[in-house]
Amino acid sequence: MAAADRLKSVLQVGAANGGLREVIAKSDLIYDKPAPRSEAGIPVGTGRMGTLVWTTPSQLRMQINRVDVYASNCASNSFFERNQDYCGGCAYVDIECGEGDFPESGFRQHLSVYDGVLEIQGKSATARVVARPTDDVIAVEATARHIRLRMLRPARVQTRSHLAVSQVHIVRDRIVLTQEFREGDYCCRSAVAIAVAGTGATPEITNESEVRLTAP
């Protein structure tokens, strides 16, 4: 039996027994300490866009990615080896909470696969992260002082005939990071925008590669 058929059979049995949540919950991710590296963070996404979520002692961190963001296509002559190309990445996001809110041990991170919700219980802070499957939206509920949106690379990178350009913007009460890849006739663009629910957050461009929201 193929893996997909086995999974379908397990889910059907679980649903028939009234325990679909319990069956799926066996795949939940539970961490009792921070991921040592960003690539070991907890995944949250929609299938089109998503992030790994990891922590420092004072921050929630993310790298926003999309499946349709490619720096170049098959006609590229700018990268000597294809593994030198980069794809998917759109922006870094740092949500600054309090110093020591997420210590080296003694706090809990739980991803509910059934609900698609990541809950983080820190020393003196809590956070919830969810990706909305009908839109390209990731929502975060947390007590934050600042939210920083950062470029993945320098603002302008020229590699032979390939050009990568990133820019930070303020659009009303939102902070935005755009990037554009061009080579010959090829063009790929992406944008990440962040807003704070309610009113009173102050946007500020802190330098060429970073824009920040300060919460009231």
C-alpha atoms as a PDB file:
ATOM      1  CA  MET A   1       0.000   0.000   0.000  1.00  0.00           C
ATOM      2  CA  ALA A   2       1.354   3.418  -0.934  1.00  0.00           C
ATOM      3  CA  ALA A   3       2.179   5.863   1.854  1.00  0.00           C
ATOM      4  CA  ALA A   4      -0.658   8.197   0.825  1.00  0.00           C
ATOM      5  CA  ASP A   5      -3.140   5.308   0.918  1.00  0.00           C
ATOM      6  CA  ARG A   6      -1.915   4.224   4.351  1.00  0.00           C
ATOM      7  CA  LEU A   7      -2.310   7.752   5.683  1.00  0.00           C
ATOM      8  CA  LYS A   8      -5.812   8.025   4.212  1.00  0.00           C
ATOM      9  CA  SER A   9      -6.760   4.701   5.797  1.00  0.00           C
ATOM     10  CA  VAL A  10      -5.468   5.776   9.228  1.00  0.00           C
ATOM     11  CA  LEU A  11      -7.365   9.077   9.064  1.00  0.00           C
ATOM     12  CA  GLN A  12     -10.570   7.357   7.964  1.00  0.00           C
ATOM     13  CA  VAL A  13     -10.337   4.908  10.870  1.00  0.00           C
ATOM     14  CA  GLY A  14      -9.675   7.773  13.272  1.00  0.00           C
ATOM     15  CA  ALA A  15     -12.636   9.749  11.966  1.00  0.00           C
ATOM     16  CA  ALA A  16     -14.908   6.714  12.166  1.00  0.00           C
ATOM     17  CA  ASN A  17     -13.940   6.241  15.802  1.00  0.00           C
ATOM     18  CA  GLY A  18     -14.547   9.893  16.611  1.00  0.00           C
ATOM     19  CA  GLY A  19     -10.875  10.454  17.316  1.00  0.00           C
ATOM     20  CA  LEU A  20      -9.459  12.261  14.274  1.00  0.00           C
ATOM     21  CA  ARG A  21      -7.922  14.968  16.466  1.00  0.00           C
ATOM     22  CA  GLU A  22      -6.276  12.314  18.638  1.00  0.00           C
ATOM     23  CA  VAL A  23      -4.839  10.513  15.605  1.00  0.00           C
ATOM     24  CA  ILE A  24      -3.390  13.688  14.118  1.00  0.00           C
ATOM     25  CA  ALA A  25      -2.164  14.950  17.514  1.00  0.00           C
ATOM     26  CA  LYS A  26       0.384  12.126  17.555  1.00  0.00           C
ATOM     27  CA  SER A  27       2.328  14.196  15.009  1.00  0.00           C
ATOM     28  CA  ASP A  28       2.396  17.341  17.175  1.00  0.00           C
ATOM     29  CA  LEU A  29       5.779  18.976  17.770  1.00  0.00           C
ATOM     30  CA  ILE A  30       6.652  19.789  21.391  1.00  0.00           C
ATOM     31  CA  TYR A  31       9.927  21.535  22.344  1.00  0.00           C
ATOM     32  CA  ASP A  32      11.017  22.247  25.917  1.00  0.00           C
ATOM     33  CA  LYS A  33      13.963  24.405  24.902  1.00  0.00           C
ATOM     34  CA  PRO A  34      14.934  26.619  21.963  1.00  0.00           C
ATOM     35  CA  ALA A  35      15.939  25.155  18.624  1.00  0.00           C
ATOM     36  CA  PRO A  36      19.758  25.428  18.457  1.00  0.00           C
ATOM     37  CA  ARG A  37      19.645  26.607  14.830  1.00  0.00           C
ATOM     38  CA  SER A  38      17.101  28.446  12.721  1.00  0.00           C
ATOM     39  CA  GLU A  39      16.616  25.460  10.407  1.00  0.00           C
ATOM     40  CA  ALA A  40      15.510  23.405  13.431  1.00  0.00           C
ATOM     41  CA  GLY A  41      12.643  25.806  14.187  1.00  0.00           C
ATOM     42  CA  ILE A  42       8.960  24.854  14.190  1.00  0.00           C
ATOM     43  CA  PRO A  43       7.236  25.066  10.773  1.00  0.00           C
ATOM     44  CA  VAL A  44       4.088  27.129  10.211  1.00  0.00           C
ATOM     45  CA  GLY A  45       2.642  27.698   6.756  1.00  0.00           C
ATOM     46  CA  THR A  46      -0.140  27.433   4.189  1.00  0.00           C
ATOM     47  CA  GLY A  47       1.474  25.242   1.538  1.00  0.00           C
ATOM     48  CA  ARG A  48       2.265  28.329  -0.579  1.00  0.00           C
ATOM     49  CA  MET A  49       4.075  30.410   2.008  1.00  0.00           C
ATOM     50  CA  GLY A  50       5.397  29.788   5.469  1.00  0.00           C
ATOM     51  CA  THR A  51       8.212  30.058   7.962  1.00  0.00           C
ATOM     52  CA  LEU A  52      10.230  28.280  10.580  1.00  0.00           C
ATOM     53  CA  VAL A  53       9.768  29.847  14.021  1.00  0.00           C
ATOM     54  CA  TRP A  54      12.677  29.920  16.441  1.00  0.00           C
ATOM     55  CA  THR A  55      13.628  32.008  19.472  1.00  0.00           C
ATOM     56  CA  THR A  56      16.440  33.938  21.092  1.00  0.00           C
ATOM     57  CA  PRO A  57      16.213  34.888  24.800  1.00  0.00           C
ATOM     58  CA  SER A  58      14.258  38.015  23.829  1.00  0.00           C
ATOM     59  CA  GLN A  59      12.834  37.393  20.338  1.00  0.00           C
ATOM     60  CA  LEU A  60      10.582  35.308  18.156  1.00  0.00           C
ATOM     61  CA  ARG A  61      12.300  34.933  14.786  1.00  0.00           C
ATOM     62  CA  MET A  62      11.033  33.910  11.350  1.00  0.00           C
ATOM     63  CA  GLN A  63      12.172  33.663   7.759  1.00  0.00           C
ATOM     64  CA  ILE A  64       9.230  34.151   5.415  1.00  0.00           C
ATOM     65  CA  ASN A  65       9.381  31.893   2.335  1.00  0.00           C
ATOM     66  CA  ARG A  66       7.239  31.318  -0.758  1.00  0.00           C
ATOM     67  CA  VAL A  67       7.178  28.376  -3.165  1.00  0.00           C
ATOM     68  CA  ASP A  68       7.001  30.660  -6.218  1.00  0.00           C
ATOM     69  CA  VAL A  69       9.974  32.915  -5.446  1.00  0.00           C
ATOM     70  CA  TYR A  70      12.975  31.957  -7.583  1.00  0.00           C
ATOM     71  CA  ALA A  71      16.007  34.139  -8.148  1.00  0.00           C
ATOM     72  CA  SER A  72      16.503  32.813 -11.677  1.00  0.00           C
ATOM     73  CA  ASN A  73      15.162  30.339 -14.225  1.00  0.00           C
ATOM     74  CA  CYS A  74      16.774  27.585 -16.292  1.00  0.00           C
ATOM     75  CA  ALA A  75      18.174  30.106 -18.771  1.00  0.00           C
ATOM     76  CA  SER A  76      20.479  31.647 -16.165  1.00  0.00           C
ATOM     77  CA  ASN A  77      24.154  31.885 -17.087  1.00  0.00           C
ATOM     78  CA  SER A  78      25.185  33.741 -13.928  1.00  0.00           C
ATOM     79  CA  PHE A  79      25.668  30.885 -11.468  1.00  0.00           C
ATOM     80  CA  PHE A  80      28.496  28.448 -12.169  1.00  0.00           C
ATOM     81  CA  GLU A  81      26.793  25.789 -10.031  1.00  0.00           C
ATOM     82  CA  ARG A  82      23.041  25.591  -9.631  1.00  0.00           C
ATOM     83  CA  ASN A  83      23.380  25.064  -5.862  1.00  0.00           C
ATOM     84  CA  GLN A  84      24.765  28.619  -5.669  1.00  0.00           C
ATOM     85  CA  ASP A  85      21.327  29.905  -6.653  1.00  0.00           C
ATOM     86  CA  TYR A  86      18.813  30.849  -3.953  1.00  0.00           C
ATOM     87  CA  CYS A  87      15.055  30.465  -3.899  1.00  0.00           C
ATOM     88  CA  GLY A  88      12.044  30.735  -1.643  1.00  0.00           C
ATOM     89  CA  GLY A  89      13.300  33.330   0.832  1.00  0.00           C
ATOM     90  CA  CYS A  90      11.510  36.691   1.099  1.00  0.00           C
ATOM     91  CA  ALA A  91      12.418  38.315   4.439  1.00  0.00           C
ATOM     92  CA  TYR A  92      13.505  37.924   8.041  1.00  0.00           C
ATOM     93  CA  VAL A  93      11.084  38.954  10.806  1.00  0.00           C
ATOM     94  CA  ASP A  94      12.185  39.575  14.409  1.00  0.00           C
ATOM     95  CA  ILE A  95       9.501  40.105  17.061  1.00  0.00           C
ATOM     96  CA  GLU A  96      11.198  41.656  20.070  1.00  0.00           C
ATOM     97  CA  CYS A  97       9.614  40.811  23.405  1.00  0.00           C
ATOM     98  CA  GLY A  98      11.304  41.154  26.812  1.00  0.00           C
ATOM     99  CA  GLU A  99      14.861  40.143  27.670  1.00  0.00           C
ATOM    100  CA  GLY A 100      14.816  36.624  29.097  1.00  0.00           C
ATOM    101  CA  ASP A 101      11.228  35.919  28.035  1.00  0.00           C
ATOM    102  CA  PHE A 102      12.404  32.838  26.123  1.00  0.00           C
ATOM    103  CA  PRO A 103      15.224  31.333  28.225  1.00  0.00           C
ATOM    104  CA  GLU A 104      17.578  28.509  27.297  1.00  0.00           C
ATOM    105  CA  SER A 105      15.361  26.028  29.130  1.00  0.00           C
ATOM    106  CA  GLY A 106      12.125  25.867  31.048  1.00  0.00           C
ATOM    107  CA  PHE A 107       9.651  27.028  28.439  1.00  0.00           C
ATOM    108  CA  ARG A 108       7.306  25.138  26.142  1.00  0.00           C
ATOM    109  CA  GLN A 109       6.620  25.277  22.406  1.00  0.00           C
ATOM    110  CA  HIS A 110       3.736  23.207  21.047  1.00  0.00           C
ATOM    111  CA  LEU A 111       2.636  22.947  17.415  1.00  0.00           C
ATOM    112  CA  SER A 112      -0.862  21.497  17.121  1.00  0.00           C
ATOM    113  CA  VAL A 113      -0.918  19.859  13.684  1.00  0.00           C
ATOM    114  CA  TYR A 114      -4.710  19.440  13.802  1.00  0.00           C
ATOM    115  CA  ASP A 115      -5.351  23.142  14.550  1.00  0.00           C
ATOM    116  CA  GLY A 116      -2.300  24.472  12.727  1.00  0.00           C
ATOM    117  CA  VAL A 117      -1.431  26.652  15.735  1.00  0.00           C
ATOM    118  CA  LEU A 118       1.961  27.126  17.387  1.00  0.00           C
ATOM    119  CA  GLU A 119       1.779  28.111  21.065  1.00  0.00           C
ATOM    120  CA  ILE A 120       4.843  29.301  22.975  1.00  0.00           C
ATOM    121  CA  GLN A 121       4.812  29.622  26.758  1.00  0.00           C
ATOM    122  CA  GLY A 122       7.860  31.580  27.858  1.00  0.00           C
ATOM    123  CA  LYS A 123       9.115  32.723  31.242  1.00  0.00           C
ATOM    124  CA  SER A 124       6.998  35.874  31.312  1.00  0.00           C
ATOM    125  CA  ALA A 125       5.499  35.964  27.819  1.00  0.00           C
ATOM    126  CA  THR A 126       3.235  33.892  25.632  1.00  0.00           C
ATOM    127  CA  ALA A 127       2.784  33.826  21.879  1.00  0.00           C
ATOM    128  CA  ARG A 128       0.597  32.122  19.305  1.00  0.00           C
ATOM    129  CA  VAL A 129       1.338  31.786  15.603  1.00  0.00           C
ATOM    130  CA  VAL A 130      -1.073  30.586  12.907  1.00  0.00           C
ATOM    131  CA  ALA A 131      -1.029  30.625   9.107  1.00  0.00           C
ATOM    132  CA  ARG A 132      -4.342  31.403   7.427  1.00  0.00           C
ATOM    133  CA  PRO A 133      -4.795  28.801   4.655  1.00  0.00           C
ATOM    134  CA  THR A 134      -7.196  30.862   2.531  1.00  0.00           C
ATOM    135  CA  ASP A 135      -4.806  33.836   2.274  1.00  0.00           C
ATOM    136  CA  ASP A 136      -1.076  34.418   2.343  1.00  0.00           C
ATOM    137  CA  VAL A 137      -1.234  35.589   5.948  1.00  0.00           C
ATOM    138  CA  ILE A 138       0.656  34.589   9.090  1.00  0.00           C
ATOM    139  CA  ALA A 139      -0.857  35.981  12.291  1.00  0.00           C
ATOM    140  CA  VAL A 140       1.094  36.341  15.528  1.00  0.00           C
ATOM    141  CA  GLU A 141      -0.396  37.087  18.928  1.00  0.00           C
ATOM    142  CA  ALA A 142       2.303  38.309  21.291  1.00  0.00           C
ATOM    143  CA  THR A 143       3.319  41.158  23.566  1.00  0.00           C
ATOM    144  CA  ALA A 144       5.987  42.873  21.482  1.00  0.00           C
ATOM    145  CA  ARG A 145       8.046  46.030  21.804  1.00  0.00           C
ATOM    146  CA  HIS A 146       9.362  46.130  18.266  1.00  0.00           C
ATOM    147  CA  ILE A 147       8.838  44.178  15.053  1.00  0.00           C
ATOM    148  CA  ARG A 148      11.740  44.256  12.631  1.00  0.00           C
ATOM    149  CA  LEU A 149      11.560  43.350   8.938  1.00  0.00           C
ATOM    150  CA  ARG A 150      15.014  42.633   7.477  1.00  0.00           C
ATOM    151  CA  MET A 151      16.541  41.800   4.109  1.00  0.00           C
ATOM    152  CA  LEU A 152      18.042  38.366   3.490  1.00  0.00           C
ATOM    153  CA  ARG A 153      21.012  39.879   1.628  1.00  0.00           C
ATOM    154  CA  PRO A 154      22.490  43.311   0.803  1.00  0.00           C
ATOM    155  CA  ALA A 155      20.155  45.737  -0.925  1.00  0.00           C
ATOM    156  CA  ARG A 156      21.786  45.255  -4.328  1.00  0.00           C
ATOM    157  CA  VAL A 157      23.635  42.112  -5.430  1.00  0.00           C
ATOM    158  CA  GLN A 158      25.013  41.803  -8.975  1.00  0.00           C
ATOM    159  CA  THR A 159      26.137  38.325 -10.056  1.00  0.00           C
ATOM    160  CA  ARG A 160      27.343  38.495 -13.658  1.00  0.00           C
ATOM    161  CA  SER A 161      24.140  39.383 -15.581  1.00  0.00           C
ATOM    162  CA  HIS A 162      21.861  38.579 -12.623  1.00  0.00           C
ATOM    163  CA  LEU A 163      20.608  41.410 -10.398  1.00  0.00           C
ATOM    164  CA  ALA A 164      18.888  41.107  -7.004  1.00  0.00           C
ATOM    165  CA  VAL A 165      17.444  44.312  -5.529  1.00  0.00           C
ATOM    166  CA  SER A 166      15.702  44.621  -2.136  1.00  0.00           C
ATOM    167  CA  GLN A 167      13.997  47.702  -0.675  1.00  0.00           C
ATOM    168  CA  VAL A 168      12.240  48.617   2.577  1.00  0.00           C
ATOM    169  CA  HIS A 169       9.156  50.849   2.601  1.00  0.00           C
ATOM    170  CA  ILE A 170       6.565  52.428   4.868  1.00  0.00           C
ATOM    171  CA  VAL A 171       3.023  52.252   3.472  1.00  0.00           C
ATOM    172  CA  ARG A 172       0.627  54.061   5.813  1.00  0.00           C
ATOM    173  CA  ASP A 173       0.836  52.071   9.072  1.00  0.00           C
ATOM    174  CA  ARG A 174       2.558  49.056   7.513  1.00  0.00           C
ATOM    175  CA  ILE A 175       6.181  48.160   7.029  1.00  0.00           C
ATOM    176  CA  VAL A 176       7.039  46.459   3.737  1.00  0.00           C
ATOM    177  CA  LEU A 177      10.034  44.719   2.201  1.00  0.00           C
ATOM    178  CA  THR A 178      10.146  44.085  -1.544  1.00  0.00           C
ATOM    179  CA  GLN A 179      12.686  42.193  -3.598  1.00  0.00           C
ATOM    180  CA  GLU A 180      13.164  41.787  -7.330  1.00  0.00           C
ATOM    181  CA  PHE A 181      15.295  39.380  -9.339  1.00  0.00           C
ATOM    182  CA  ARG A 182      16.159  40.097 -12.977  1.00  0.00           C
ATOM    183  CA  GLU A 183      18.248  38.405 -15.629  1.00  0.00           C
ATOM    184  CA  GLY A 184      17.532  38.981 -19.306  1.00  0.00           C
ATOM    185  CA  ASP A 185      13.799  38.478 -19.842  1.00  0.00           C
ATOM    186  CA  TYR A 186      13.358  36.818 -16.435  1.00  0.00           C
ATOM    187  CA  CYS A 187      11.769  38.726 -13.558  1.00  0.00           C
ATOM    188  CA  CYS A 188      10.495  37.561 -10.153  1.00  0.00           C
ATOM    189  CA  ARG A 189       9.183  39.878  -7.433  1.00  0.00           C
ATOM    190  CA  SER A 190       7.996  39.363  -3.870  1.00  0.00           C
ATOM    191  CA  ALA A 191       6.690  41.547  -1.041  1.00  0.00           C
ATOM    192  CA  VAL A 192       6.225  41.058   2.702  1.00  0.00           C
ATOM    193  CA  ALA A 193       4.017  43.506   4.639  1.00  0.00           C
ATOM    194  CA  ILE A 194       3.513  43.691   8.411  1.00  0.00           C
ATOM    195  CA  ALA A 195       0.815  45.510  10.365  1.00  0.00           C
ATOM    196  CA  VAL A 196      -0.145  45.602  14.034  1.00  0.00           C
ATOM    197  CA  ALA A 197      -3.813  45.103  14.912  1.00  0.00           C
ATOM    198  CA  GLY A 198      -5.345  48.195  16.429  1.00  0.00           C
ATOM    199  CA  THR A 199      -3.752  51.624  16.222  1.00  0.00           C
ATOM    200  CA  GLY A 200      -0.720  53.459  17.466  1.00  0.00           C
ATOM    201  CA  ALA A 201       2.221  51.437  16.097  1.00  0.00           C
ATOM    202  CA  THR A 202       4.973  53.673  14.741  1.00  0.00           C
ATOM    203  CA  PRO A 203       6.821  52.644  11.550  1.00  0.00           C
ATOM    204  CA  GLU A 204      10.451  53.657  11.058  1.00  0.00           C
ATOM    205  CA  ILE A 205      13.140  52.878   8.483  1.00  0.00           C
ATOM    206  CA  THR A 206      16.163  52.191  10.684  1.00  0.00           C
ATOM    207  CA  ASN A 207      18.695  51.644   7.885  1.00  0.00           C
ATOM    208  CA  GLU A 208      18.969  50.577   4.235  1.00  0.00           C
ATOM    209  CA  SER A 209      18.206  46.931   5.025  1.00  0.00           C
ATOM    210  CA  GLU A 210      15.712  47.145   7.900  1.00  0.00           C
ATOM    211  CA  VAL A 211      12.354  48.715   8.737  1.00  0.00           C
ATOM    212  CA  ARG A 212      10.716  48.578  12.160  1.00  0.00           C
ATOM    213  CA  LEU A 213       7.325  48.886  13.858  1.00  0.00           C
ATOM    214  CA  THR A 214       7.291  50.097  17.465  1.00  0.00           C
ATOM    215  CA  ALA A 215       4.211  49.026  19.382  1.00  0.00           C
ATOM    216  CA  PRO A 216       2.477  51.492  21.767  1.00  0.00           C
END
